[in-house]
Full PDB file with SEQRES, HELIX, SHEET, SSBOND, CRYST1, ORIGX, SCALE, CONECT and MASTER records, all heavy atoms in Angstrom:
SEQRES   1 A   34  LEU SER GLY ILE ALA GLU HIS PHE GLU PRO GLU THR LEU          
SEQRES   2 A   34  VAL GLY ARG GLN VAL CYS VAL VAL ALA ASN LEU ALA PRO          
SEQRES   3 A   34  ARG LYS ILE ARG GLY LEU VAL SER                              
HELIX    1 AA1 PRO A   10  THR A   12  5                                   3    
SHEET    1 AA1 2 LYS A  28  ILE A  29  0                                        
SHEET    2 AA1 2 LEU A  32  VAL A  33 -1                                        
CRYST1    1.000    1.000    1.000  90.00  90.00  90.00 P 1           1          
ORIGX1      1.000000  0.000000  0.000000        0.00000                         
ORIGX2      0.000000  1.000000  0.000000        0.00000                         
ORIGX3      0.000000  0.000000  1.000000        0.00000                         
SCALE1      1.000000  0.000000  0.000000        0.00000                         
SCALE2      0.000000  1.000000  0.000000        0.00000                         
SCALE3      0.000000  0.000000  1.000000        0.00000                         
ATOM      1  N   LEU A   1     206.234 215.623  32.333  1.00  0.00           N  
ATOM      2  CA  LEU A   1     205.591 216.927  32.501  1.00  0.00           C  
ATOM      3  C   LEU A   1     204.125 216.716  32.836  1.00  0.00           C  
ATOM      4  O   LEU A   1     203.479 215.791  32.318  1.00  0.00           O  
ATOM      5  CB  LEU A   1     205.725 217.768  31.223  1.00  0.00           C  
ATOM      6  CG  LEU A   1     207.016 218.592  31.091  1.00  0.00           C  
ATOM      7  CD1 LEU A   1     208.236 217.690  31.033  1.00  0.00           C  
ATOM      8  CD2 LEU A   1     206.959 219.507  29.878  1.00  0.00           C  
ATOM      9  N   SER A   2     203.596 217.574  33.698  1.00  0.00           N  
ATOM     10  CA  SER A   2     202.196 217.452  34.113  1.00  0.00           C  
ATOM     11  C   SER A   2     201.592 218.837  34.305  1.00  0.00           C  
ATOM     12  O   SER A   2     202.231 219.723  34.880  1.00  0.00           O  
ATOM     13  CB  SER A   2     202.090 216.642  35.405  1.00  0.00           C  
ATOM     14  OG  SER A   2     200.750 216.496  35.811  1.00  0.00           O  
ATOM     15  N   GLY A   3     200.362 219.016  33.838  1.00  0.00           N  
ATOM     16  CA  GLY A   3     199.695 220.316  33.924  1.00  0.00           C  
ATOM     17  C   GLY A   3     198.979 220.525  35.239  1.00  0.00           C  
ATOM     18  O   GLY A   3     197.775 220.785  35.271  1.00  0.00           O  
ATOM     19  N   ILE A   4     199.707 220.444  36.342  1.00  0.00           N  
ATOM     20  CA  ILE A   4     199.089 220.539  37.673  1.00  0.00           C  
ATOM     21  C   ILE A   4     199.693 221.680  38.497  1.00  0.00           C  
ATOM     22  O   ILE A   4     199.550 221.714  39.713  1.00  0.00           O  
ATOM     23  CB  ILE A   4     199.239 219.201  38.447  1.00  0.00           C  
ATOM     24  CG1 ILE A   4     200.718 218.829  38.600  1.00  0.00           C  
ATOM     25  CG2 ILE A   4     198.473 218.087  37.742  1.00  0.00           C  
ATOM     26  CD1 ILE A   4     200.945 217.576  39.439  1.00  0.00           C  
ATOM     27  N   ALA A   5     200.361 222.618  37.820  1.00  0.00           N  
ATOM     28  CA  ALA A   5     201.057 223.688  38.538  1.00  0.00           C  
ATOM     29  C   ALA A   5     200.105 224.586  39.323  1.00  0.00           C  
ATOM     30  O   ALA A   5     200.503 225.189  40.330  1.00  0.00           O  
ATOM     31  CB  ALA A   5     201.868 224.532  37.558  1.00  0.00           C  
ATOM     32  N   GLU A   6     198.844 224.686  38.895  1.00  0.00           N  
ATOM     33  CA  GLU A   6     197.879 225.526  39.592  1.00  0.00           C  
ATOM     34  C   GLU A   6     197.415 224.909  40.905  1.00  0.00           C  
ATOM     35  O   GLU A   6     196.789 225.579  41.729  1.00  0.00           O  
ATOM     36  CB  GLU A   6     196.663 225.782  38.686  1.00  0.00           C  
ATOM     37  CG  GLU A   6     196.996 226.590  37.436  1.00  0.00           C  
ATOM     38  CD  GLU A   6     195.786 226.740  36.538  1.00  0.00           C  
ATOM     39  OE1 GLU A   6     194.871 225.892  36.616  1.00  0.00           O  
ATOM     40  OE2 GLU A   6     195.753 227.702  35.751  1.00  0.00           O  
ATOM     41  N   HIS A   7     197.716 223.642  41.102  1.00  0.00           N  
ATOM     42  CA  HIS A   7     197.216 222.932  42.281  1.00  0.00           C  
ATOM     43  C   HIS A   7     198.302 222.587  43.302  1.00  0.00           C  
ATOM     44  O   HIS A   7     197.985 222.285  44.456  1.00  0.00           O  
ATOM     45  CB  HIS A   7     196.527 221.624  41.846  1.00  0.00           C  
ATOM     46  CG  HIS A   7     195.371 221.851  40.920  1.00  0.00           C  
ATOM     47  ND1 HIS A   7     194.087 222.028  41.379  1.00  0.00           N  
ATOM     48  CD2 HIS A   7     195.324 221.918  39.564  1.00  0.00           C  
ATOM     49  CE1 HIS A   7     193.278 222.187  40.328  1.00  0.00           C  
ATOM     50  NE2 HIS A   7     194.007 222.126  39.224  1.00  0.00           N  
ATOM     51  N   PHE A   8     199.565 222.583  42.883  1.00  0.00           N  
ATOM     52  CA  PHE A   8     200.632 222.143  43.781  1.00  0.00           C  
ATOM     53  C   PHE A   8     201.858 223.044  43.663  1.00  0.00           C  
ATOM     54  O   PHE A   8     202.188 223.524  42.577  1.00  0.00           O  
ATOM     55  CB  PHE A   8     201.069 220.696  43.460  1.00  0.00           C  
ATOM     56  CG  PHE A   8     199.963 219.690  43.544  1.00  0.00           C  
ATOM     57  CD1 PHE A   8     199.275 219.297  42.401  1.00  0.00           C  
ATOM     58  CD2 PHE A   8     199.617 219.121  44.763  1.00  0.00           C  
ATOM     59  CE1 PHE A   8     198.260 218.354  42.468  1.00  0.00           C  
ATOM     60  CE2 PHE A   8     198.600 218.186  44.844  1.00  0.00           C  
ATOM     61  CZ  PHE A   8     197.919 217.801  43.703  1.00  0.00           C  
ATOM     62  N   GLU A   9     202.530 223.244  44.804  1.00  0.00           N  
ATOM     63  CA  GLU A   9     203.828 223.891  44.796  1.00  0.00           C  
ATOM     64  C   GLU A   9     204.876 222.804  44.582  1.00  0.00           C  
ATOM     65  O   GLU A   9     204.881 221.795  45.312  1.00  0.00           O  
ATOM     66  CB  GLU A   9     204.081 224.622  46.112  1.00  0.00           C  
ATOM     67  CG  GLU A   9     203.190 225.831  46.337  1.00  0.00           C  
ATOM     68  CD  GLU A   9     203.411 226.900  45.270  1.00  0.00           C  
ATOM     69  OE1 GLU A   9     204.567 227.049  44.789  1.00  0.00           O  
ATOM     70  OE2 GLU A   9     202.426 227.571  44.905  1.00  0.00           O  
ATOM     71  N   PRO A  10     205.740 222.964  43.607  1.00  0.00           N  
ATOM     72  CA  PRO A  10     206.655 221.861  43.252  1.00  0.00           C  
ATOM     73  C   PRO A  10     207.530 221.385  44.402  1.00  0.00           C  
ATOM     74  O   PRO A  10     207.765 220.177  44.549  1.00  0.00           O  
ATOM     75  CB  PRO A  10     207.495 222.458  42.100  1.00  0.00           C  
ATOM     76  CG  PRO A  10     207.288 223.929  42.168  1.00  0.00           C  
ATOM     77  CD  PRO A  10     205.923 224.134  42.740  1.00  0.00           C  
ATOM     78  N   GLU A  11     208.004 222.300  45.242  1.00  0.00           N  
ATOM     79  CA  GLU A  11     208.896 221.898  46.311  1.00  0.00           C  
ATOM     80  C   GLU A  11     208.217 220.994  47.338  1.00  0.00           C  
ATOM     81  O   GLU A  11     208.879 220.245  48.077  1.00  0.00           O  
ATOM     82  CB  GLU A  11     209.512 223.117  47.016  1.00  0.00           C  
ATOM     83  CG  GLU A  11     208.499 224.077  47.621  1.00  0.00           C  
ATOM     84  CD  GLU A  11     208.051 225.153  46.641  1.00  0.00           C  
ATOM     85  OE1 GLU A  11     208.308 224.993  45.418  1.00  0.00           O  
ATOM     86  OE2 GLU A  11     207.457 226.141  47.089  1.00  0.00           O  
ATOM     87  N   THR A  12     206.881 221.044  47.417  1.00  0.00           N  
ATOM     88  CA  THR A  12     206.170 220.192  48.389  1.00  0.00           C  
ATOM     89  C   THR A  12     205.985 218.758  47.885  1.00  0.00           C  
ATOM     90  O   THR A  12     205.541 217.895  48.633  1.00  0.00           O  
ATOM     91  CB  THR A  12     204.787 220.789  48.698  1.00  0.00           C  
ATOM     92  OG1 THR A  12     203.968 220.747  47.508  1.00  0.00           O  
ATOM     93  CG2 THR A  12     204.917 222.223  49.192  1.00  0.00           C  
ATOM     94  N   LEU A  13     206.316 218.523  46.625  1.00  0.00           N  
ATOM     95  CA  LEU A  13     206.062 217.201  46.032  1.00  0.00           C  
ATOM     96  C   LEU A  13     207.287 216.297  46.039  1.00  0.00           C  
ATOM     97  O   LEU A  13     207.168 215.091  45.823  1.00  0.00           O  
ATOM     98  CB  LEU A  13     205.575 217.367  44.592  1.00  0.00           C  
ATOM     99  CG  LEU A  13     204.273 218.179  44.430  1.00  0.00           C  
ATOM    100  CD1 LEU A  13     203.920 218.285  42.962  1.00  0.00           C  
ATOM    101  CD2 LEU A  13     203.139 217.525  45.188  1.00  0.00           C  
ATOM    102  N   VAL A  14     208.462 216.852  46.267  1.00  0.00           N  
ATOM    103  CA  VAL A  14     209.685 216.053  46.245  1.00  0.00           C  
ATOM    104  C   VAL A  14     209.636 214.991  47.349  1.00  0.00           C  
ATOM    105  O   VAL A  14     209.314 215.297  48.499  1.00  0.00           O  
ATOM    106  CB  VAL A  14     210.933 216.943  46.406  1.00  0.00           C  
ATOM    107  CG1 VAL A  14     212.199 216.088  46.495  1.00  0.00           C  
ATOM    108  CG2 VAL A  14     211.038 217.917  45.242  1.00  0.00           C  
ATOM    109  N   GLY A  15     209.920 213.754  46.974  1.00  0.00           N  
ATOM    110  CA  GLY A  15     209.902 212.644  47.913  1.00  0.00           C  
ATOM    111  C   GLY A  15     208.583 211.899  47.951  1.00  0.00           C  
ATOM    112  O   GLY A  15     208.512 210.805  48.513  1.00  0.00           O  
ATOM    113  N   ARG A  16     207.536 212.485  47.372  1.00  0.00           N  
ATOM    114  CA  ARG A  16     206.238 211.810  47.393  1.00  0.00           C  
ATOM    115  C   ARG A  16     206.182 210.724  46.327  1.00  0.00           C  
ATOM    116  O   ARG A  16     206.833 210.795  45.288  1.00  0.00           O  
ATOM    117  CB  ARG A  16     205.107 212.816  47.174  1.00  0.00           C  
ATOM    118  CG  ARG A  16     204.912 213.756  48.354  1.00  0.00           C  
ATOM    119  CD  ARG A  16     203.764 214.724  48.137  1.00  0.00           C  
ATOM    120  NE  ARG A  16     202.482 214.062  47.933  1.00  0.00           N  
ATOM    121  CZ  ARG A  16     201.318 214.695  47.841  1.00  0.00           C  
ATOM    122  NH1 ARG A  16     201.287 216.037  47.950  1.00  0.00           N  
ATOM    123  NH2 ARG A  16     200.197 214.052  47.654  1.00  0.00           N  
ATOM    124  N   GLN A  17     205.362 209.702  46.592  1.00  0.00           N  
ATOM    125  CA  GLN A  17     205.159 208.651  45.611  1.00  0.00           C  
ATOM    126  C   GLN A  17     203.885 208.912  44.819  1.00  0.00           C  
ATOM    127  O   GLN A  17     202.892 209.418  45.361  1.00  0.00           O  
ATOM    128  CB  GLN A  17     205.096 207.279  46.290  1.00  0.00           C  
ATOM    129  CG  GLN A  17     206.437 206.836  46.857  1.00  0.00           C  
ATOM    130  CD  GLN A  17     206.503 205.347  47.073  1.00  0.00           C  
ATOM    131  OE1 GLN A  17     205.662 204.769  47.740  1.00  0.00           O  
ATOM    132  NE2 GLN A  17     207.536 204.700  46.500  1.00  0.00           N  
ATOM    133  N   VAL A  18     203.937 208.587  43.536  1.00  0.00           N  
ATOM    134  CA  VAL A  18     202.808 208.825  42.637  1.00  0.00           C  
ATOM    135  C   VAL A  18     202.590 207.609  41.757  1.00  0.00           C  
ATOM    136  O   VAL A  18     203.453 206.742  41.650  1.00  0.00           O  
ATOM    137  CB  VAL A  18     203.063 210.064  41.742  1.00  0.00           C  
ATOM    138  CG1 VAL A  18     203.020 211.343  42.563  1.00  0.00           C  
ATOM    139  CG2 VAL A  18     204.391 209.948  41.002  1.00  0.00           C  
ATOM    140  N   CYS A  19     201.414 207.545  41.167  1.00  0.00           N  
ATOM    141  CA  CYS A  19     201.104 206.501  40.199  1.00  0.00           C  
ATOM    142  C   CYS A  19     201.295 207.070  38.797  1.00  0.00           C  
ATOM    143  O   CYS A  19     200.837 208.169  38.498  1.00  0.00           O  
ATOM    144  CB  CYS A  19     199.670 206.001  40.375  1.00  0.00           C  
ATOM    145  SG  CYS A  19     199.372 205.269  42.003  1.00  0.00           S  
ATOM    146  N   VAL A  20     201.970 206.301  37.954  1.00  0.00           N  
ATOM    147  CA  VAL A  20     202.381 206.807  36.648  1.00  0.00           C  
ATOM    148  C   VAL A  20     201.973 205.834  35.549  1.00  0.00           C  
ATOM    149  O   VAL A  20     202.096 204.607  35.710  1.00  0.00           O  
ATOM    150  CB  VAL A  20     203.917 207.002  36.623  1.00  0.00           C  
ATOM    151  CG1 VAL A  20     204.403 207.332  35.224  1.00  0.00           C  
ATOM    152  CG2 VAL A  20     204.339 208.104  37.596  1.00  0.00           C  
ATOM    153  N   VAL A  21     201.470 206.365  34.438  1.00  0.00           N  
ATOM    154  CA  VAL A  21     201.331 205.575  33.215  1.00  0.00           C  
ATOM    155  C   VAL A  21     202.700 205.585  32.560  1.00  0.00           C  
ATOM    156  O   VAL A  21     203.151 206.613  32.050  1.00  0.00           O  
ATOM    157  CB  VAL A  21     200.270 206.166  32.273  1.00  0.00           C  
ATOM    158  CG1 VAL A  21     200.135 205.283  31.021  1.00  0.00           C  
ATOM    159  CG2 VAL A  21     198.921 206.277  32.971  1.00  0.00           C  
ATOM    160  N   ALA A  22     203.385 204.435  32.580  1.00  0.00           N  
ATOM    161  CA  ALA A  22     204.804 204.418  32.239  1.00  0.00           C  
ATOM    162  C   ALA A  22     205.093 204.089  30.777  1.00  0.00           C  
ATOM    163  O   ALA A  22     206.224 204.226  30.338  1.00  0.00           O  
ATOM    164  CB  ALA A  22     205.525 203.410  33.131  1.00  0.00           C  
ATOM    165  N   ASN A  23     204.087 203.654  30.022  1.00  0.00           N  
ATOM    166  CA  ASN A  23     204.375 203.239  28.654  1.00  0.00           C  
ATOM    167  C   ASN A  23     203.728 204.125  27.602  1.00  0.00           C  
ATOM    168  O   ASN A  23     203.464 203.691  26.485  1.00  0.00           O  
ATOM    169  CB  ASN A  23     203.958 201.775  28.445  1.00  0.00           C  
ATOM    170  CG  ASN A  23     202.461 201.561  28.612  1.00  0.00           C  
ATOM    171  OD1 ASN A  23     201.780 202.331  29.293  1.00  0.00           O  
ATOM    172  ND2 ASN A  23     201.933 200.515  28.008  1.00  0.00           N  
ATOM    173  N   LEU A  24     203.461 205.403  27.963  1.00  0.00           N  
ATOM    174  CA  LEU A  24     202.998 206.348  26.948  1.00  0.00           C  
ATOM    175  C   LEU A  24     204.145 206.692  26.016  1.00  0.00           C  
ATOM    176  O   LEU A  24     205.301 206.798  26.440  1.00  0.00           O  
ATOM    177  CB  LEU A  24     202.494 207.636  27.619  1.00  0.00           C  
ATOM    178  CG  LEU A  24     201.125 207.601  28.304  1.00  0.00           C  
ATOM    179  CD1 LEU A  24     200.807 208.981  28.848  1.00  0.00           C  
ATOM    180  CD2 LEU A  24     200.038 207.152  27.348  1.00  0.00           C  
ATOM    181  N   ALA A  25     203.827 206.878  24.751  1.00  0.00           N  
ATOM    182  CA  ALA A  25     204.858 207.304  23.806  1.00  0.00           C  
ATOM    183  C   ALA A  25     205.363 208.694  24.205  1.00  0.00           C  
ATOM    184  O   ALA A  25     204.560 209.589  24.494  1.00  0.00           O  
ATOM    185  CB  ALA A  25     204.291 207.338  22.384  1.00  0.00           C  
ATOM    186  N   PRO A  26     206.679 208.904  24.277  1.00  0.00           N  
ATOM    187  CA  PRO A  26     207.209 210.229  24.651  1.00  0.00           C  
ATOM    188  C   PRO A  26     206.770 211.304  23.664  1.00  0.00           C  
ATOM    189  O   PRO A  26     206.608 211.046  22.473  1.00  0.00           O  
ATOM    190  CB  PRO A  26     208.739 210.023  24.580  1.00  0.00           C  
ATOM    191  CG  PRO A  26     208.928 208.549  24.707  1.00  0.00           C  
ATOM    192  CD  PRO A  26     207.746 207.922  24.047  1.00  0.00           C  
ATOM    193  N   ARG A  27     206.569 212.505  24.197  1.00  0.00           N  
ATOM    194  CA  ARG A  27     206.227 213.639  23.324  1.00  0.00           C  
ATOM    195  C   ARG A  27     206.853 214.902  23.875  1.00  0.00           C  
ATOM    196  O   ARG A  27     207.152 215.000  25.063  1.00  0.00           O  
ATOM    197  CB  ARG A  27     204.717 213.795  23.202  1.00  0.00           C  
ATOM    198  CG  ARG A  27     204.002 214.072  24.510  1.00  0.00           C  
ATOM    199  CD  ARG A  27     202.563 214.429  24.250  1.00  0.00           C  
ATOM    200  NE  ARG A  27     201.838 214.706  25.479  1.00  0.00           N  
ATOM    201  CZ  ARG A  27     200.715 215.432  25.517  1.00  0.00           C  
ATOM    202  NH1 ARG A  27     200.233 215.937  24.421  1.00  0.00           N  
ATOM    203  NH2 ARG A  27     200.114 215.646  26.667  1.00  0.00           N  
ATOM    204  N   LYS A  28     207.042 215.875  22.976  1.00  0.00           N  
ATOM    205  CA  LYS A  28     207.646 217.138  23.380  1.00  0.00           C  
ATOM    206  C   LYS A  28     206.576 218.144  23.759  1.00  0.00           C  
ATOM    207  O   LYS A  28     205.591 218.318  23.043  1.00  0.00           O  
ATOM    208  CB  LYS A  28     208.503 217.709  22.250  1.00  0.00           C  
ATOM    209  CG  LYS A  28     209.932 217.185  22.261  1.00  0.00           C  
ATOM    210  CD  LYS A  28     210.825 218.032  21.367  1.00  0.00           C  
ATOM    211  CE  LYS A  28     212.279 217.608  21.519  1.00  0.00           C  
ATOM    212  NZ  LYS A  28     213.182 218.471  20.729  1.00  0.00           N  
ATOM    213  N   ILE A  29     206.784 218.778  24.913  1.00  0.00           N  
ATOM    214  CA  ILE A  29     205.895 219.841  25.374  1.00  0.00           C  
ATOM    215  C   ILE A  29     206.786 221.039  25.749  1.00  0.00           C  
ATOM    216  O   ILE A  29     207.679 220.904  26.599  1.00  0.00           O  
ATOM    217  CB  ILE A  29     205.076 219.401  26.604  1.00  0.00           C  
ATOM    218  CG1 ILE A  29     204.310 218.106  26.309  1.00  0.00           C  
ATOM    219  CG2 ILE A  29     204.122 220.500  27.038  1.00  0.00           C  
ATOM    220  CD1 ILE A  29     203.595 217.529  27.523  1.00  0.00           C  
ATOM    221  N   ARG A  30     206.570 222.162  25.088  1.00  0.00           N  
ATOM    222  CA  ARG A  30     207.380 223.356  25.334  1.00  0.00           C  
ATOM    223  C   ARG A  30     208.879 223.046  25.217  1.00  0.00           C  
ATOM    224  O   ARG A  30     209.685 223.530  26.001  1.00  0.00           O  
ATOM    225  CB  ARG A  30     207.080 223.958  26.707  1.00  0.00           C  
ATOM    226  CG  ARG A  30     205.676 224.503  26.881  1.00  0.00           C  
ATOM    227  CD  ARG A  30     205.442 225.699  25.956  1.00  0.00           C  
ATOM    228  NE  ARG A  30     204.115 226.272  26.113  1.00  0.00           N  
ATOM    229  CZ  ARG A  30     203.862 227.354  26.848  1.00  0.00           C  
ATOM    230  NH1 ARG A  30     204.837 227.952  27.505  1.00  0.00           N  
ATOM    231  NH2 ARG A  30     202.632 227.819  26.920  1.00  0.00           N  
ATOM    232  N   GLY A  31     209.212 222.203  24.264  1.00  0.00           N  
ATOM    233  CA  GLY A  31     210.615 221.879  24.029  1.00  0.00           C  
ATOM    234  C   GLY A  31     211.197 220.836  24.958  1.00  0.00           C  
ATOM    235  O   GLY A  31     212.371 220.469  24.812  1.00  0.00           O  
ATOM    236  N   LEU A  32     210.412 220.328  25.909  1.00  0.00           N  
ATOM    237  CA  LEU A  32     210.889 219.306  26.847  1.00  0.00           C  
ATOM    238  C   LEU A  32     210.202 217.978  26.567  1.00  0.00           C  
ATOM    239  O   LEU A  32     208.999 217.940  26.278  1.00  0.00           O  
ATOM    240  CB  LEU A  32     210.614 219.735  28.290  1.00  0.00           C  
ATOM    241  CG  LEU A  32     211.295 221.036  28.758  1.00  0.00           C  
ATOM    242  CD1 LEU A  32     210.795 221.400  30.154  1.00  0.00           C  
ATOM    243  CD2 LEU A  32     212.806 220.871  28.765  1.00  0.00           C  
ATOM    244  N   VAL A  33     210.962 216.890  26.666  1.00  0.00           N  
ATOM    245  CA  VAL A  33     210.387 215.563  26.426  1.00  0.00           C  
ATOM    246  C   VAL A  33     209.684 215.070  27.689  1.00  0.00           C  
ATOM    247  O   VAL A  33     210.260 215.086  28.782  1.00  0.00           O  
ATOM    248  CB  VAL A  33     211.492 214.562  26.009  1.00  0.00           C  
ATOM    249  CG1 VAL A  33     210.902 213.153  25.869  1.00  0.00           C  
ATOM    250  CG2 VAL A  33     212.124 214.988  24.692  1.00  0.00           C  
ATOM    251  N   SER A  34     208.448 214.637  27.519  1.00  0.00           N  
ATOM    252  CA  SER A  34     207.688 214.044  28.619  1.00  0.00           C  
ATOM    253  C   SER A  34     207.434 212.575  28.283  1.00  0.00           C  
ATOM    254  O   SER A  34     206.865 212.262  27.244  1.00  0.00           O  
ATOM    255  CB  SER A  34     206.360 214.771  28.815  1.00  0.00           C  
ATOM    256  OG  SER A  34     205.614 214.178  29.870  1.00  0.00           O  
TER     257      SER A  34                                                      
MASTER        0    0    0    1    2    0    0    6  256    1    0    3          
END                                                                             
């Protein structure tokens, strides 16, 4: 989950490559695990 909804339309991001911090401890946000 990422708080960037004000800056991007989700459908325009599918297929794009991103850089990710992959070893953060999972946490729940609004009932969803990130």
